[in-house]
Amino acid sequence: METQKQFFPGYTFLMDIHEKISNRTAQILGPIVFNFGPKENAWNITTNDLLQYPEGTVGKTLGEFLKKNRLEPLSRAESHDVYHILFDYSTSFKDEVGLQFFLWGNGKTSLASIGTSIGAWCIFPTQWNYLKASYKRGKECVDILQLDPKALLHEDLDKIKLSLFKTKHL
C-alpha cells in the first residue's frame, strides 16, 4: 500500500471515502442479506435483556457490544451478533467482511458469506491480507457449526474464547 500512496497522493483520501460509503451500504443491505438462506428461530431478546447477564458472560458482553454500537439483536440472526464478540470483530464494514471470511474459512458457507466474500475481493483491494488472515483464522477455529450460541450466553466469555482455537491464536 505504501507504493500506491507514493504514486497517488489522494489514494488515502479516496479509500477513506470508499470505506465510509461501504459502511453505509452494509448498514442498509445487511438486514436484507440476512433474509436469504436458512433461518434460525428468533431469540426474542433485547440489548437490555442481555445487559442483565452476569459480568464476564457472553450475554453481558454481547449486550455491552450492542449498546456501544447502538444496535439491537438482529432477529433470527442473533448468532451472528455472538460471533462478533467471540471472534473480536467490530461492526465496521471491514470487520463485517472479515467475519464473513472467518465464517467461510470455518466451513459456514451461505449466500451471504460467499456473496460478501466475492464482493469484498473486488471493492476492498487494500484489505486482501486482512481478509486472507480472517479466512485462515476461521480454519484454525473449532467447528462453530457445533456451537449453540444461545446456550453460550450464560458462559464465561474468556473461557469460551480459549476453547475455540486448536492452537493458541488469540
N, C-alpha and C. Protein backbone atom coordinates (compact mmCIF):
# COMPACT_ATOMS: atom_id res chain seq x y z
N MET A 1 0.82 -1.18 0.00
CA MET A 1 0.00 0.00 0.00
C MET A 1 0.86 1.25 0.00
N GLU A 2 2.03 1.22 0.63
CA GLU A 2 2.91 2.39 0.65
C GLU A 2 3.29 2.80 -0.78
N THR A 3 3.55 1.82 -1.63
CA THR A 3 3.90 2.12 -3.01
C THR A 3 2.75 2.84 -3.71
N GLN A 4 1.51 2.41 -3.45
CA GLN A 4 0.35 3.05 -4.05
C GLN A 4 0.26 4.51 -3.60
N LYS A 5 0.52 4.78 -2.34
CA LYS A 5 0.45 6.14 -1.81
C LYS A 5 1.49 7.04 -2.48
N GLN A 6 2.66 6.50 -2.76
CA GLN A 6 3.71 7.29 -3.39
C GLN A 6 3.30 7.73 -4.80
N PHE A 7 2.62 6.87 -5.53
CA PHE A 7 2.25 7.19 -6.90
C PHE A 7 0.96 8.01 -6.98
N PHE A 8 0.15 7.95 -5.96
CA PHE A 8 -1.14 8.63 -6.00
C PHE A 8 -1.42 9.27 -4.65
N PRO A 9 -1.11 10.56 -4.48
CA PRO A 9 -1.24 11.23 -3.17
C PRO A 9 -2.66 11.22 -2.61
N GLY A 10 -3.68 11.20 -3.45
CA GLY A 10 -5.05 11.21 -2.97
C GLY A 10 -5.60 9.84 -2.64
N TYR A 11 -4.75 8.82 -2.72
CA TYR A 11 -5.18 7.44 -2.50
C TYR A 11 -5.85 7.24 -1.14
N THR A 12 -5.21 7.72 -0.08
CA THR A 12 -5.76 7.53 1.27
C THR A 12 -7.12 8.21 1.40
N PHE A 13 -7.22 9.43 0.87
CA PHE A 13 -8.49 10.16 0.92
C PHE A 13 -9.59 9.38 0.21
N LEU A 14 -9.30 8.87 -0.98
CA LEU A 14 -10.29 8.10 -1.73
C LEU A 14 -10.68 6.81 -1.00
N MET A 15 -9.70 6.15 -0.39
CA MET A 15 -10.02 4.92 0.34
C MET A 15 -10.86 5.21 1.58
N ASP A 16 -10.64 6.35 2.23
CA ASP A 16 -11.47 6.73 3.38
C ASP A 16 -12.92 6.94 2.94
N ILE A 17 -13.10 7.64 1.82
CA ILE A 17 -14.46 7.86 1.29
C ILE A 17 -15.08 6.52 0.91
N HIS A 18 -14.30 5.69 0.24
CA HIS A 18 -14.76 4.36 -0.17
C HIS A 18 -15.24 3.55 1.05
N GLU A 19 -14.46 3.59 2.13
CA GLU A 19 -14.84 2.83 3.33
C GLU A 19 -16.12 3.39 3.95
N LYS A 20 -16.27 4.71 3.99
CA LYS A 20 -17.50 5.31 4.55
C LYS A 20 -18.72 4.92 3.73
N ILE A 21 -18.60 4.97 2.42
CA ILE A 21 -19.72 4.57 1.56
C ILE A 21 -20.02 3.08 1.74
N SER A 22 -18.98 2.26 1.82
CA SER A 22 -19.16 0.83 2.01
C SER A 22 -19.82 0.53 3.35
N ASN A 23 -19.42 1.24 4.41
CA ASN A 23 -20.04 1.06 5.73
C ASN A 23 -21.53 1.35 5.66
N ARG A 24 -21.89 2.45 5.03
CA ARG A 24 -23.31 2.83 4.93
C ARG A 24 -24.08 1.82 4.10
N THR A 25 -23.50 1.37 3.01
CA THR A 25 -24.14 0.36 2.17
C THR A 25 -24.37 -0.93 2.96
N ALA A 26 -23.38 -1.33 3.75
CA ALA A 26 -23.51 -2.55 4.56
C ALA A 26 -24.63 -2.39 5.59
N GLN A 27 -24.77 -1.21 6.18
CA GLN A 27 -25.84 -0.98 7.15
C GLN A 27 -27.21 -1.13 6.51
N ILE A 28 -27.32 -0.68 5.27
CA ILE A 28 -28.60 -0.77 4.57
C ILE A 28 -28.87 -2.19 4.08
N LEU A 29 -27.85 -2.80 3.49
CA LEU A 29 -28.04 -4.12 2.87
C LEU A 29 -27.96 -5.29 3.84
N GLY A 30 -27.28 -5.11 4.98
CA GLY A 30 -27.10 -6.20 5.93
C GLY A 30 -28.39 -6.93 6.29
N PRO A 31 -29.41 -6.20 6.77
CA PRO A 31 -30.66 -6.89 7.12
C PRO A 31 -31.32 -7.58 5.93
N ILE A 32 -31.17 -7.04 4.73
CA ILE A 32 -31.75 -7.67 3.55
C ILE A 32 -31.03 -8.98 3.26
N VAL A 33 -29.70 -8.98 3.34
CA VAL A 33 -28.91 -10.18 3.08
C VAL A 33 -29.28 -11.30 4.04
N PHE A 34 -29.57 -10.94 5.30
CA PHE A 34 -29.90 -11.97 6.28
C PHE A 34 -31.25 -12.63 6.02
N ASN A 35 -32.03 -12.10 5.11
CA ASN A 35 -33.30 -12.72 4.77
C ASN A 35 -33.14 -13.90 3.83
N PHE A 36 -31.92 -14.10 3.28
CA PHE A 36 -31.65 -15.22 2.41
C PHE A 36 -30.98 -16.33 3.22
N GLY A 37 -31.21 -17.55 2.80
CA GLY A 37 -30.56 -18.67 3.48
C GLY A 37 -31.40 -19.19 4.63
N PRO A 38 -30.86 -20.19 5.33
CA PRO A 38 -31.61 -20.81 6.42
C PRO A 38 -31.84 -19.82 7.56
N LYS A 39 -32.98 -19.97 8.18
CA LYS A 39 -33.35 -19.07 9.27
C LYS A 39 -33.30 -19.83 10.59
N GLU A 40 -32.76 -19.17 11.60
CA GLU A 40 -32.82 -19.75 12.93
C GLU A 40 -34.03 -19.15 13.64
N ASN A 41 -34.43 -19.76 14.71
CA ASN A 41 -35.54 -19.21 15.47
C ASN A 41 -35.11 -17.93 16.16
N ALA A 42 -36.02 -16.96 16.21
CA ALA A 42 -35.73 -15.70 16.89
C ALA A 42 -35.56 -15.97 18.38
N TRP A 43 -34.62 -15.29 18.99
CA TRP A 43 -34.36 -15.45 20.41
C TRP A 43 -35.29 -14.59 21.25
N ASN A 44 -35.93 -13.62 20.64
CA ASN A 44 -36.80 -12.69 21.36
C ASN A 44 -36.08 -12.09 22.57
N ILE A 45 -34.94 -11.49 22.30
CA ILE A 45 -34.11 -10.91 23.34
C ILE A 45 -33.68 -9.52 22.91
N THR A 46 -33.59 -8.61 23.85
CA THR A 46 -33.19 -7.24 23.55
C THR A 46 -31.80 -6.97 24.13
N THR A 47 -31.26 -5.86 23.74
CA THR A 47 -29.97 -5.44 24.30
C THR A 47 -30.09 -5.29 25.81
N ASN A 48 -31.18 -4.70 26.28
CA ASN A 48 -31.38 -4.54 27.73
C ASN A 48 -31.46 -5.88 28.45
N ASP A 49 -32.09 -6.88 27.82
CA ASP A 49 -32.13 -8.23 28.41
C ASP A 49 -30.71 -8.78 28.56
N LEU A 50 -29.90 -8.60 27.54
CA LEU A 50 -28.52 -9.10 27.56
C LEU A 50 -27.69 -8.40 28.64
N LEU A 51 -27.97 -7.13 28.87
CA LEU A 51 -27.22 -6.38 29.88
C LEU A 51 -27.49 -6.89 31.30
N GLN A 52 -28.50 -7.70 31.48
CA GLN A 52 -28.84 -8.25 32.80
C GLN A 52 -28.01 -9.50 33.14
N TYR A 53 -27.32 -10.04 32.17
CA TYR A 53 -26.48 -11.22 32.42
C TYR A 53 -25.32 -10.83 33.35
N PRO A 54 -24.76 -11.80 34.06
CA PRO A 54 -23.63 -11.51 34.96
C PRO A 54 -22.41 -10.99 34.20
N GLU A 55 -21.62 -10.21 34.87
CA GLU A 55 -20.39 -9.64 34.32
C GLU A 55 -19.48 -10.76 33.82
N GLY A 56 -18.87 -10.55 32.65
CA GLY A 56 -17.92 -11.50 32.10
C GLY A 56 -18.54 -12.60 31.26
N THR A 57 -19.87 -12.66 31.22
CA THR A 57 -20.52 -13.70 30.42
C THR A 57 -20.63 -13.25 28.97
N VAL A 58 -20.88 -14.21 28.12
CA VAL A 58 -21.10 -13.91 26.71
C VAL A 58 -22.30 -12.98 26.57
N GLY A 59 -23.36 -13.25 27.31
CA GLY A 59 -24.58 -12.43 27.24
C GLY A 59 -24.34 -10.98 27.61
N LYS A 60 -23.68 -10.75 28.73
CA LYS A 60 -23.41 -9.38 29.19
C LYS A 60 -22.49 -8.66 28.19
N THR A 61 -21.45 -9.33 27.74
CA THR A 61 -20.52 -8.72 26.79
C THR A 61 -21.23 -8.40 25.48
N LEU A 62 -22.10 -9.29 25.04
CA LEU A 62 -22.87 -9.02 23.82
C LEU A 62 -23.78 -7.80 24.03
N GLY A 63 -24.43 -7.72 25.18
CA GLY A 63 -25.27 -6.56 25.47
C GLY A 63 -24.48 -5.27 25.44
N GLU A 64 -23.29 -5.28 26.03
CA GLU A 64 -22.44 -4.09 26.05
C GLU A 64 -21.98 -3.73 24.63
N PHE A 65 -21.64 -4.74 23.84
CA PHE A 65 -21.23 -4.53 22.45
C PHE A 65 -22.37 -3.87 21.65
N LEU A 66 -23.58 -4.42 21.80
CA LEU A 66 -24.72 -3.88 21.06
C LEU A 66 -25.07 -2.47 21.53
N LYS A 67 -25.01 -2.24 22.84
CA LYS A 67 -25.31 -0.91 23.38
C LYS A 67 -24.30 0.12 22.86
N LYS A 68 -23.03 -0.23 22.91
CA LYS A 68 -21.96 0.66 22.44
C LYS A 68 -22.18 1.04 20.97
N ASN A 69 -22.67 0.09 20.18
CA ASN A 69 -22.88 0.31 18.75
C ASN A 69 -24.31 0.77 18.43
N ARG A 70 -25.09 1.02 19.48
CA ARG A 70 -26.48 1.47 19.35
C ARG A 70 -27.29 0.53 18.45
N LEU A 71 -27.20 -0.77 18.77
CA LEU A 71 -27.88 -1.80 17.99
C LEU A 71 -28.76 -2.65 18.88
N GLU A 72 -29.69 -3.32 18.24
CA GLU A 72 -30.48 -4.37 18.87
C GLU A 72 -30.13 -5.67 18.16
N PRO A 73 -30.28 -6.80 18.84
CA PRO A 73 -30.00 -8.07 18.15
C PRO A 73 -30.83 -8.18 16.88
N LEU A 74 -30.21 -8.66 15.82
CA LEU A 74 -30.89 -8.83 14.55
C LEU A 74 -31.71 -10.11 14.62
N SER A 75 -33.04 -9.97 14.62
CA SER A 75 -33.94 -11.10 14.79
C SER A 75 -33.63 -12.20 13.78
N ARG A 76 -33.53 -13.42 14.31
CA ARG A 76 -33.25 -14.63 13.54
C ARG A 76 -31.83 -14.68 12.99
N ALA A 77 -30.99 -13.74 13.45
CA ALA A 77 -29.56 -13.77 13.09
C ALA A 77 -28.74 -13.43 14.33
N GLU A 78 -29.28 -13.73 15.50
CA GLU A 78 -28.60 -13.40 16.75
C GLU A 78 -27.25 -14.10 16.88
N SER A 79 -27.12 -15.28 16.29
CA SER A 79 -25.84 -15.99 16.35
C SER A 79 -24.73 -15.14 15.74
N HIS A 80 -25.05 -14.44 14.68
CA HIS A 80 -24.08 -13.57 14.02
C HIS A 80 -23.57 -12.51 15.00
N ASP A 81 -24.46 -11.97 15.80
CA ASP A 81 -24.06 -10.98 16.80
C ASP A 81 -23.10 -11.59 17.81
N VAL A 82 -23.36 -12.82 18.22
CA VAL A 82 -22.48 -13.52 19.16
C VAL A 82 -21.10 -13.73 18.54
N TYR A 83 -21.06 -14.07 17.26
CA TYR A 83 -19.78 -14.29 16.59
C TYR A 83 -18.91 -13.03 16.64
N HIS A 84 -19.53 -11.87 16.58
CA HIS A 84 -18.75 -10.62 16.66
C HIS A 84 -17.91 -10.58 17.93
N ILE A 85 -18.50 -10.96 19.05
CA ILE A 85 -17.74 -10.87 20.31
C ILE A 85 -16.86 -12.09 20.54
N LEU A 86 -17.27 -13.24 20.06
CA LEU A 86 -16.42 -14.43 20.24
C LEU A 86 -15.11 -14.31 19.47
N PHE A 87 -15.18 -13.69 18.30
CA PHE A 87 -14.01 -13.66 17.42
C PHE A 87 -13.42 -12.27 17.24
N ASP A 88 -13.90 -11.30 18.04
CA ASP A 88 -13.35 -9.94 18.10
C ASP A 88 -13.44 -9.18 16.78
N TYR A 89 -14.62 -9.13 16.23
CA TYR A 89 -14.87 -8.33 15.03
C TYR A 89 -15.85 -7.21 15.39
N SER A 90 -15.51 -5.99 15.00
CA SER A 90 -16.39 -4.85 15.24
C SER A 90 -17.52 -4.85 14.22
N THR A 91 -18.30 -3.78 14.20
CA THR A 91 -19.38 -3.67 13.22
C THR A 91 -18.97 -2.82 12.01
N SER A 92 -17.69 -2.47 11.92
CA SER A 92 -17.24 -1.72 10.74
C SER A 92 -17.39 -2.60 9.50
N PHE A 93 -17.44 -1.97 8.36
CA PHE A 93 -17.56 -2.72 7.11
C PHE A 93 -16.40 -3.71 6.97
N LYS A 94 -15.20 -3.24 7.26
CA LYS A 94 -14.01 -4.10 7.16
C LYS A 94 -14.17 -5.34 8.03
N ASP A 95 -14.62 -5.16 9.27
CA ASP A 95 -14.76 -6.30 10.17
C ASP A 95 -15.97 -7.17 9.84
N GLU A 96 -17.03 -6.58 9.31
CA GLU A 96 -18.17 -7.40 8.87
C GLU A 96 -17.71 -8.35 7.76
N VAL A 97 -16.93 -7.80 6.84
CA VAL A 97 -16.40 -8.63 5.76
C VAL A 97 -15.39 -9.64 6.32
N GLY A 98 -14.55 -9.19 7.25
CA GLY A 98 -13.59 -10.09 7.88
C GLY A 98 -14.30 -11.25 8.58
N LEU A 99 -15.40 -10.95 9.25
CA LEU A 99 -16.17 -12.01 9.92
C LEU A 99 -16.73 -12.99 8.90
N GLN A 100 -17.20 -12.50 7.77
CA GLN A 100 -17.70 -13.40 6.73
C GLN A 100 -16.59 -14.31 6.21
N PHE A 101 -15.39 -13.76 6.04
CA PHE A 101 -14.25 -14.58 5.61
C PHE A 101 -13.91 -15.61 6.70
N PHE A 102 -13.96 -15.20 7.95
CA PHE A 102 -13.71 -16.12 9.06
C PHE A 102 -14.71 -17.28 8.99
N LEU A 103 -16.00 -16.94 8.86
CA LEU A 103 -17.04 -17.96 8.81
C LEU A 103 -16.85 -18.88 7.61
N TRP A 104 -16.51 -18.31 6.48
CA TRP A 104 -16.26 -19.09 5.28
C TRP A 104 -15.08 -20.04 5.50
N GLY A 105 -14.02 -19.55 6.12
CA GLY A 105 -12.87 -20.38 6.43
C GLY A 105 -13.22 -21.50 7.39
N ASN A 106 -14.20 -21.27 8.24
CA ASN A 106 -14.61 -22.26 9.22
C ASN A 106 -15.59 -23.28 8.64
N GLY A 107 -15.99 -23.07 7.40
CA GLY A 107 -16.90 -24.02 6.76
C GLY A 107 -18.35 -23.61 6.80
N LYS A 108 -18.64 -22.44 7.30
CA LYS A 108 -20.02 -21.95 7.38
C LYS A 108 -20.30 -21.13 6.12
N THR A 109 -20.69 -21.83 5.08
CA THR A 109 -20.96 -21.13 3.82
C THR A 109 -22.44 -20.81 3.72
N SER A 110 -22.70 -19.64 3.20
CA SER A 110 -24.06 -19.20 2.95
C SER A 110 -24.02 -18.23 1.80
N LEU A 111 -25.17 -17.92 1.27
CA LEU A 111 -25.24 -16.93 0.21
C LEU A 111 -24.62 -15.61 0.69
N ALA A 112 -24.89 -15.25 1.94
CA ALA A 112 -24.35 -14.01 2.49
C ALA A 112 -22.83 -14.04 2.56
N SER A 113 -22.27 -15.14 3.08
CA SER A 113 -20.81 -15.18 3.24
C SER A 113 -20.09 -15.26 1.91
N ILE A 114 -20.61 -16.05 0.99
CA ILE A 114 -19.96 -16.17 -0.31
C ILE A 114 -20.10 -14.88 -1.10
N GLY A 115 -21.30 -14.32 -1.13
CA GLY A 115 -21.51 -13.06 -1.85
C GLY A 115 -20.68 -11.93 -1.29
N THR A 116 -20.64 -11.83 0.04
CA THR A 116 -19.84 -10.79 0.69
C THR A 116 -18.37 -10.98 0.37
N SER A 117 -17.92 -12.22 0.43
CA SER A 117 -16.51 -12.51 0.18
C SER A 117 -16.10 -12.18 -1.25
N ILE A 118 -16.91 -12.57 -2.21
CA ILE A 118 -16.59 -12.28 -3.61
C ILE A 118 -16.61 -10.76 -3.84
N GLY A 119 -17.63 -10.10 -3.33
CA GLY A 119 -17.72 -8.65 -3.47
C GLY A 119 -16.56 -7.93 -2.83
N ALA A 120 -16.13 -8.43 -1.68
CA ALA A 120 -15.03 -7.78 -0.95
C ALA A 120 -13.73 -7.83 -1.73
N TRP A 121 -13.47 -8.93 -2.42
CA TRP A 121 -12.25 -9.03 -3.22
C TRP A 121 -12.23 -7.92 -4.28
N CYS A 122 -13.42 -7.55 -4.74
CA CYS A 122 -13.49 -6.52 -5.80
C CYS A 122 -13.46 -5.10 -5.23
N ILE A 123 -14.16 -4.86 -4.13
CA ILE A 123 -14.30 -3.48 -3.66
C ILE A 123 -13.39 -3.12 -2.49
N PHE A 124 -12.66 -4.08 -1.97
CA PHE A 124 -11.80 -3.81 -0.81
C PHE A 124 -10.37 -4.30 -1.08
N PRO A 125 -9.76 -3.89 -2.18
CA PRO A 125 -8.46 -4.45 -2.55
C PRO A 125 -7.34 -4.18 -1.55
N THR A 126 -7.46 -3.14 -0.76
CA THR A 126 -6.39 -2.84 0.20
C THR A 126 -6.45 -3.74 1.43
N GLN A 127 -7.49 -4.55 1.54
CA GLN A 127 -7.66 -5.38 2.73
C GLN A 127 -7.48 -6.87 2.45
N TRP A 128 -6.92 -7.22 1.31
CA TRP A 128 -6.79 -8.62 0.96
C TRP A 128 -6.00 -9.41 2.00
N ASN A 129 -4.93 -8.87 2.52
CA ASN A 129 -4.15 -9.60 3.53
C ASN A 129 -4.98 -9.83 4.79
N TYR A 130 -5.74 -8.81 5.19
CA TYR A 130 -6.61 -8.93 6.37
C TYR A 130 -7.67 -10.01 6.13
N LEU A 131 -8.26 -10.01 4.94
CA LEU A 131 -9.31 -10.98 4.63
C LEU A 131 -8.75 -12.40 4.58
N LYS A 132 -7.56 -12.56 4.00
CA LYS A 132 -6.92 -13.88 3.98
C LYS A 132 -6.61 -14.35 5.40
N ALA A 133 -6.16 -13.42 6.25
CA ALA A 133 -5.86 -13.77 7.64
C ALA A 133 -7.14 -14.17 8.38
N SER A 134 -8.24 -13.50 8.09
CA SER A 134 -9.52 -13.85 8.72
C SER A 134 -9.96 -15.24 8.28
N TYR A 135 -9.81 -15.53 7.00
CA TYR A 135 -10.15 -16.85 6.47
C TYR A 135 -9.30 -17.93 7.16
N LYS A 136 -8.00 -17.68 7.25
CA LYS A 136 -7.08 -18.63 7.90
C LYS A 136 -7.45 -18.82 9.37
N ARG A 137 -7.79 -17.74 10.03
CA ARG A 137 -8.18 -17.80 11.44
C ARG A 137 -9.44 -18.66 11.60
N GLY A 138 -10.37 -18.53 10.67
CA GLY A 138 -11.58 -19.37 10.69
C GLY A 138 -11.23 -20.84 10.54
N LYS A 139 -10.24 -21.14 9.71
CA LYS A 139 -9.78 -22.53 9.53
C LYS A 139 -9.18 -23.09 10.81
N GLU A 140 -8.52 -22.21 11.60
CA GLU A 140 -7.85 -22.64 12.82
C GLU A 140 -8.82 -22.81 14.00
N CYS A 141 -10.03 -22.31 13.85
CA CYS A 141 -11.03 -22.38 14.92
C CYS A 141 -11.75 -23.72 14.89
N VAL A 142 -12.20 -24.18 16.04
CA VAL A 142 -13.00 -25.39 16.08
C VAL A 142 -14.25 -25.17 15.23
N ASP A 143 -14.91 -26.22 14.85
CA ASP A 143 -16.10 -26.14 14.01
C ASP A 143 -17.23 -25.44 14.78
N ILE A 144 -17.51 -24.20 14.41
CA ILE A 144 -18.51 -23.42 15.15
C ILE A 144 -19.94 -23.85 14.81
N LEU A 145 -20.09 -24.68 13.77
CA LEU A 145 -21.43 -25.19 13.47
C LEU A 145 -21.92 -26.10 14.60
N GLN A 146 -20.99 -26.58 15.41
CA GLN A 146 -21.35 -27.43 16.54
C GLN A 146 -21.74 -26.63 17.78
N LEU A 147 -21.53 -25.31 17.74
CA LEU A 147 -21.85 -24.46 18.88
C LEU A 147 -23.33 -24.09 18.90
N ASP A 148 -23.84 -23.88 20.08
CA ASP A 148 -25.18 -23.32 20.26
C ASP A 148 -24.98 -21.94 20.88
N PRO A 149 -24.89 -20.89 20.03
CA PRO A 149 -24.58 -19.56 20.55
C PRO A 149 -25.53 -19.08 21.63
N LYS A 150 -26.80 -19.44 21.54
CA LYS A 150 -27.76 -19.01 22.57
C LYS A 150 -27.42 -19.64 23.92
N ALA A 151 -27.00 -20.90 23.91
CA ALA A 151 -26.64 -21.58 25.15
C ALA A 151 -25.38 -20.99 25.76
N LEU A 152 -24.56 -20.32 24.96
CA LEU A 152 -23.32 -19.73 25.46
C LEU A 152 -23.53 -18.43 26.24
N LEU A 153 -24.71 -17.84 26.14
CA LEU A 153 -24.95 -16.53 26.76
C LEU A 153 -24.62 -16.51 28.25
N HIS A 154 -24.82 -17.62 28.94
CA HIS A 154 -24.56 -17.70 30.39
C HIS A 154 -23.10 -18.04 30.71
N GLU A 155 -22.33 -18.39 29.69
CA GLU A 155 -20.96 -18.87 29.90
C GLU A 155 -19.94 -17.73 30.00
N ASP A 156 -18.81 -18.02 30.64
CA ASP A 156 -17.72 -17.06 30.76
C ASP A 156 -17.06 -16.86 29.39
N LEU A 157 -17.05 -15.61 28.92
CA LEU A 157 -16.54 -15.31 27.58
C LEU A 157 -15.08 -15.72 27.41
N ASP A 158 -14.24 -15.40 28.38
CA ASP A 158 -12.81 -15.72 28.25
C ASP A 158 -12.57 -17.23 28.13
N LYS A 159 -13.29 -18.02 28.91
CA LYS A 159 -13.12 -19.48 28.84
C LYS A 159 -13.58 -20.01 27.48
N ILE A 160 -14.69 -19.47 26.99
CA ILE A 160 -15.19 -19.91 25.68
C ILE A 160 -14.17 -19.57 24.60
N LYS A 161 -13.65 -18.35 24.63
CA LYS A 161 -12.67 -17.94 23.61
C LYS A 161 -11.45 -18.85 23.62
N LEU A 162 -10.98 -19.22 24.80
CA LEU A 162 -9.80 -20.09 24.90
C LEU A 162 -10.06 -21.48 24.32
N SER A 163 -11.30 -21.92 24.38
CA SER A 163 -11.62 -23.27 23.90
C SER A 163 -11.88 -23.33 22.39
N LEU A 164 -11.94 -22.20 21.73
CA LEU A 164 -12.33 -22.18 20.33
C LEU A 164 -11.23 -22.46 19.32
N PHE A 165 -10.00 -22.25 19.71
CA PHE A 165 -8.92 -22.39 18.73
C PHE A 165 -8.06 -23.60 19.05
N LYS A 166 -7.74 -24.35 18.02
CA LYS A 166 -6.93 -25.56 18.15
C LYS A 166 -5.54 -25.22 18.64
N THR A 167 -5.06 -24.05 18.27
CA THR A 167 -3.76 -23.54 18.73
C THR A 167 -3.99 -22.22 19.46
N LYS A 168 -3.04 -21.79 20.22
CA LYS A 168 -3.16 -20.51 20.91
C LYS A 168 -3.06 -19.40 19.87
N HIS A 169 -4.19 -18.82 19.50
CA HIS A 169 -4.23 -17.83 18.45
C HIS A 169 -4.60 -16.44 18.95
N LEU A 170 -5.38 -16.38 19.99
CA LEU A 170 -5.88 -15.10 20.47
C LEU A 170 -4.77 -14.37 21.18
